[in-house]
């Protein structure tokens, strides 16, 4: 039912694949709309415990589909196109950040511009050893967007964020892991299997607790410690009345540690 993406449910994971390999998975407006729709579907599906976003072929996402822009338009027409596209981009990023499921970015190649922003907005990220991350916006003469003013400095720190944005240099896979852009790096031949293993473990973990942590991490940046702790205690109170809590507590008190940790990264 989709034209620019594919969707597959497997082992409790909603796998969203950007399927525009001829343009290195640069997102058309239609692709963005389809991704928003599929994220809504995944959130409404009680069998889906986590979402994984990846790209077809050897690229993750090369950002905005620039070939949708006609330079023959008047300046106002170009601006109107970007205004419309930006609204859809914003909705997609908001959905990822607010989605009531953990989101794993499986970065299988270049993540440039908006593709970099897509990876940064996800809750966790892994990449192949050939992946590269580059800001790219200034190269094509536009200001940075896709929520990088929210996410980039939070993840890598202010100095490194300025370095990446102002120099436009590529960040290779190993350095991306060192800087916290991704959680792990895997060889290309093992990448898909590792990504699926991690996503399936996330899907099997207690979703309601993951969602509480996700919401708190995003909101906590902008709140005082008093606000943070008040919201945290409300989450604690909600979690202890959930049916998930009594058997877990009982197993812990009996010394049963057999199911910890819940997510283990493949070696």
Protein backbone atom coordinates (compact mmCIF):
# COMPACT_ATOMS: atom_id res chain seq x y z
CA UNK A 1 0.00 0.00 0.00
CA UNK A 2 3.06 2.28 0.04
CA UNK A 3 5.08 3.54 -2.93
CA UNK A 4 8.24 5.08 -1.47
CA UNK A 5 8.65 2.94 1.65
CA UNK A 6 8.06 -0.67 2.65
CA UNK A 7 6.72 -1.98 5.95
CA UNK A 8 7.08 -5.40 7.52
CA UNK A 9 6.09 -6.68 10.97
CA UNK A 10 8.47 -9.35 12.26
CA UNK A 11 9.11 -10.61 15.82
CA UNK A 12 7.13 -7.70 17.26
CA UNK A 13 9.18 -5.16 15.29
CA UNK A 14 7.70 -2.75 12.77
CA UNK A 15 10.41 -2.49 10.10
CA UNK A 16 10.17 0.71 8.05
CA UNK A 17 12.45 0.78 5.00
CA UNK A 18 12.91 3.91 2.91
CA UNK A 19 12.72 2.45 -0.59
CA UNK A 20 14.16 5.07 -2.93
CA UNK A 21 17.63 3.63 -3.61
CA UNK A 22 18.03 5.44 -6.96
CA UNK A 23 18.23 8.75 -5.04
CA UNK A 24 20.05 7.22 -2.05
CA UNK A 25 16.75 7.19 -0.15
CA UNK A 26 16.34 10.95 -0.18
CA UNK A 27 12.87 11.52 1.21
CA UNK A 28 10.17 12.74 -1.14
CA UNK A 29 7.18 14.48 0.42
CA UNK A 30 5.19 11.33 -0.34
CA UNK A 31 7.77 9.17 1.46
CA UNK A 32 7.54 11.41 4.52
CA UNK A 33 3.75 11.19 4.48
CA UNK A 34 3.94 7.42 4.16
CA UNK A 35 6.37 7.18 7.07
CA UNK A 36 4.04 9.21 9.28
CA UNK A 37 1.16 6.93 8.33
CA UNK A 38 3.11 3.76 9.04
CA UNK A 39 4.34 5.03 12.41
CA UNK A 40 0.73 5.73 13.36
CA UNK A 41 -0.19 2.19 12.31
CA UNK A 42 2.67 0.70 14.31
CA UNK A 43 1.70 2.64 17.43
CA UNK A 44 -1.91 1.46 17.13
CA UNK A 45 -0.84 -2.17 16.67
CA UNK A 46 -0.66 -3.96 20.01
CA UNK A 47 1.60 -6.64 18.53
CA UNK A 48 4.34 -4.12 17.72
CA UNK A 49 6.77 -3.43 20.57
CA UNK A 50 9.45 -1.47 18.71
CA UNK A 51 10.06 0.23 15.36
CA UNK A 52 13.20 0.01 13.22
CA UNK A 53 13.93 2.54 10.45
CA UNK A 54 16.44 1.67 7.74
CA UNK A 55 17.14 2.25 4.06
CA UNK A 56 17.06 0.12 0.93
CA UNK A 57 20.33 -0.64 -0.82
CA UNK A 58 23.56 0.86 0.50
CA UNK A 59 22.22 4.19 1.82
CA UNK A 60 20.20 5.12 4.90
CA UNK A 61 18.82 8.51 3.83
CA UNK A 62 20.40 11.32 1.84
CA UNK A 63 18.06 13.92 3.27
CA UNK A 64 15.47 15.91 1.34
CA UNK A 65 14.61 14.89 -2.23
CA UNK A 66 16.04 17.98 -3.92
CA UNK A 67 14.96 16.89 -7.40
CA UNK A 68 11.38 17.65 -6.38
CA UNK A 69 12.35 21.33 -6.55
CA UNK A 70 12.13 23.15 -9.87
CA UNK A 71 14.55 26.06 -10.07
CA UNK A 72 12.41 27.39 -12.92
CA UNK A 73 9.85 28.47 -10.32
CA UNK A 74 9.73 31.98 -8.98
CA UNK A 75 11.50 32.49 -5.65
CA UNK A 76 8.16 32.57 -3.88
CA UNK A 77 7.23 29.20 -5.37
CA UNK A 78 10.46 27.60 -4.18
CA UNK A 79 9.93 29.04 -0.72
CA UNK A 80 6.36 27.74 -0.65
CA UNK A 81 7.56 24.26 -1.62
CA UNK A 82 10.08 24.25 1.23
CA UNK A 83 7.45 25.54 3.66
CA UNK A 84 5.11 22.68 2.75
CA UNK A 85 7.89 20.06 2.86
CA UNK A 86 9.13 21.40 6.20
CA UNK A 87 5.70 20.93 7.77
CA UNK A 88 5.73 17.26 6.79
CA UNK A 89 9.34 16.81 7.98
CA UNK A 90 8.38 18.34 11.31
CA UNK A 91 5.44 15.98 11.70
CA UNK A 92 7.69 12.99 10.98
CA UNK A 93 10.30 14.03 13.55
CA UNK A 94 7.64 14.79 16.13
CA UNK A 95 6.12 11.36 15.55
CA UNK A 96 9.47 9.61 16.06
CA UNK A 97 10.22 11.50 19.26
CA UNK A 98 6.69 11.13 20.68
CA UNK A 99 6.00 7.62 19.37
CA UNK A 100 4.90 5.33 22.18
CA UNK A 101 7.39 2.71 21.06
CA UNK A 102 11.21 2.66 21.09
CA UNK A 103 12.65 3.57 17.69
CA UNK A 104 15.92 2.08 16.42
CA UNK A 105 17.69 3.70 13.46
CA UNK A 106 19.57 1.01 11.52
CA UNK A 107 21.92 3.22 9.52
CA UNK A 108 23.12 1.08 6.63
CA UNK A 109 25.04 3.76 4.72
CA UNK A 110 25.17 7.51 4.17
CA UNK A 111 23.02 9.62 6.50
CA UNK A 112 23.18 13.16 5.13
CA UNK A 113 21.25 16.29 6.02
CA UNK A 114 17.73 15.22 6.96
CA UNK A 115 18.90 11.61 7.07
CA UNK A 116 21.35 12.59 9.80
CA UNK A 117 18.48 14.34 11.59
CA UNK A 118 16.36 11.21 11.25
CA UNK A 119 19.04 9.10 12.97
CA UNK A 120 19.50 11.69 15.72
CA UNK A 121 15.76 11.79 16.44
CA UNK A 122 15.60 8.02 16.95
CA UNK A 123 15.94 6.60 20.46
CA UNK A 124 18.86 4.33 19.60
CA UNK A 125 21.03 3.93 16.52
CA UNK A 126 23.46 1.42 15.09
CA UNK A 127 25.37 1.61 11.83
CA UNK A 128 27.50 -0.36 9.41
CA UNK A 129 31.25 0.12 9.44
CA UNK A 130 30.92 1.90 6.07
CA UNK A 131 28.28 4.41 7.24
CA UNK A 132 28.96 8.12 7.13
CA UNK A 133 27.17 11.06 8.76
CA UNK A 134 27.32 14.55 7.28
CA UNK A 135 25.33 17.72 7.91
CA UNK A 136 25.32 18.79 4.21
CA UNK A 137 22.88 21.72 4.57
CA UNK A 138 25.40 24.51 4.02
CA UNK A 139 26.77 22.70 0.95
CA UNK A 140 23.48 23.23 -0.86
CA UNK A 141 22.97 26.72 0.51
CA UNK A 142 20.23 26.22 3.08
CA UNK A 143 20.01 26.42 6.86
CA UNK A 144 20.02 23.30 9.00
CA UNK A 145 16.69 21.78 9.92
CA UNK A 146 15.14 18.37 10.83
CA UNK A 147 15.34 19.26 14.52
CA UNK A 148 19.15 19.25 14.58
CA UNK A 149 19.08 22.44 16.67
CA UNK A 150 17.27 20.28 19.25
CA UNK A 151 19.13 16.98 18.89
CA UNK A 152 22.69 17.45 17.61
CA UNK A 153 24.22 19.45 20.48
CA UNK A 154 22.35 17.33 23.03
CA UNK A 155 23.93 14.17 21.64
CA UNK A 156 27.47 15.24 20.72
CA UNK A 157 27.97 18.44 22.76
CA UNK A 158 28.11 22.06 21.62
CA UNK A 159 31.71 22.18 20.34
CA UNK A 160 31.36 19.03 18.27
CA UNK A 161 27.96 20.13 16.96
CA UNK A 162 29.49 23.37 15.70
CA UNK A 163 32.40 21.45 14.18
CA UNK A 164 30.10 19.15 12.24
CA UNK A 165 27.77 21.92 11.09
CA UNK A 166 30.31 24.61 10.24
CA UNK A 167 32.99 22.44 8.62
CA UNK A 168 30.55 20.02 6.96
CA UNK A 169 32.99 17.17 7.36
CA UNK A 170 31.89 13.55 7.25
CA UNK A 171 31.77 11.58 10.47
CA UNK A 172 32.87 7.99 9.88
CA UNK A 173 31.27 5.06 11.68
CA UNK A 174 33.88 4.54 14.40
CA UNK A 175 33.96 8.24 15.28
CA UNK A 176 30.16 8.37 15.23
CA UNK A 177 30.16 5.69 17.94
CA UNK A 178 32.82 7.56 19.93
CA UNK A 179 30.77 10.77 19.77
CA UNK A 180 27.51 9.05 20.75
CA UNK A 181 25.75 9.43 17.41
CA UNK A 182 25.32 5.64 17.30
CA UNK A 183 25.34 2.99 20.01
CA UNK A 184 27.26 0.32 18.09
CA UNK A 185 29.00 -0.32 14.76
CA UNK A 186 28.72 -3.65 12.91
CA UNK A 187 30.39 -5.10 9.81
CA UNK A 188 28.19 -4.83 6.75
CA UNK A 189 27.80 -8.59 6.37
CA UNK A 190 26.45 -8.92 9.94
CA UNK A 191 24.56 -5.66 10.14
CA UNK A 192 21.02 -6.74 9.21
CA UNK A 193 21.04 -9.71 11.58
CA UNK A 194 22.43 -7.59 14.44
CA UNK A 195 19.86 -4.84 13.83
CA UNK A 196 17.00 -7.35 13.87
CA UNK A 197 18.30 -8.98 17.05
CA UNK A 198 18.50 -5.64 18.87
CA UNK A 199 15.09 -4.49 17.61
CA UNK A 200 13.45 -7.78 18.61
CA UNK A 201 14.87 -7.49 22.12
CA UNK A 202 13.55 -3.93 22.39
CA UNK A 203 10.15 -5.15 21.20
CA UNK A 204 10.09 -7.87 23.87
CA UNK A 205 10.93 -5.46 26.71
CA UNK A 206 8.18 -3.68 28.74
CA UNK A 207 6.94 -1.02 26.33
CA UNK A 208 5.14 1.12 28.92
CA UNK A 209 8.37 1.60 30.90
CA UNK A 210 10.35 2.37 27.75
CA UNK A 211 7.79 5.01 26.79
CA UNK A 212 8.00 6.62 30.23
CA UNK A 213 11.79 6.85 29.98
CA UNK A 214 11.58 8.21 26.44
CA UNK A 215 9.13 10.96 27.36
CA UNK A 216 11.11 11.94 30.44
CA UNK A 217 14.47 12.13 28.63
CA UNK A 218 13.07 14.48 26.01
CA UNK A 219 11.17 16.70 28.43
CA UNK A 220 13.80 16.68 31.17
CA UNK A 221 16.25 18.81 29.18
CA UNK A 222 13.96 21.80 29.51
CA UNK A 223 12.66 21.35 33.05
CA UNK A 224 13.91 22.17 36.51
CA UNK A 225 14.91 19.33 38.83
CA UNK A 226 11.68 19.92 40.77
CA UNK A 227 9.58 19.38 37.64
CA UNK A 228 11.62 16.35 36.58
CA UNK A 229 11.33 14.58 39.91
CA UNK A 230 7.59 15.27 40.13
CA UNK A 231 7.00 13.73 36.70
CA UNK A 232 9.27 10.81 37.58
CA UNK A 233 7.34 9.99 40.75
CA UNK A 234 4.08 10.07 38.76
CA UNK A 235 5.60 7.55 36.35
CA UNK A 236 6.71 5.36 39.26
CA UNK A 237 3.20 5.40 40.72
CA UNK A 238 1.71 4.49 37.34
CA UNK A 239 4.21 1.67 36.84
CA UNK A 240 3.63 -0.03 40.20
CA UNK A 241 -0.09 -0.42 39.53
CA UNK A 242 0.60 -1.99 36.12
CA UNK A 243 0.11 -5.76 35.84
CA UNK A 244 3.76 -6.07 34.78
CA UNK A 245 5.06 -5.04 38.20
CA UNK A 246 3.99 -7.68 40.81
CA UNK A 247 5.49 -10.76 39.09
CA UNK A 248 8.70 -8.89 38.29
CA UNK A 249 9.09 -7.74 41.89
CA UNK A 250 8.33 -11.22 43.19
CA UNK A 251 10.98 -12.79 40.95
CA UNK A 252 13.52 -10.20 42.05
CA UNK A 253 12.81 -10.76 45.74
CA UNK A 254 13.22 -14.51 45.21
CA UNK A 255 16.65 -13.91 43.71
CA UNK A 256 15.69 -14.74 40.12
CA UNK A 257 17.93 -12.66 37.81
CA UNK A 258 17.60 -14.96 34.77
CA UNK A 259 16.04 -12.40 32.44
CA UNK A 260 18.52 -9.55 32.93
CA UNK A 261 19.69 -7.54 31.06
CA UNK A 262 16.68 -7.15 28.77
CA UNK A 263 18.64 -5.96 25.72
CA UNK A 264 22.09 -7.31 24.90
CA UNK A 265 24.03 -5.95 21.94
CA UNK A 266 25.37 -8.70 19.67
CA UNK A 267 29.16 -8.92 19.58
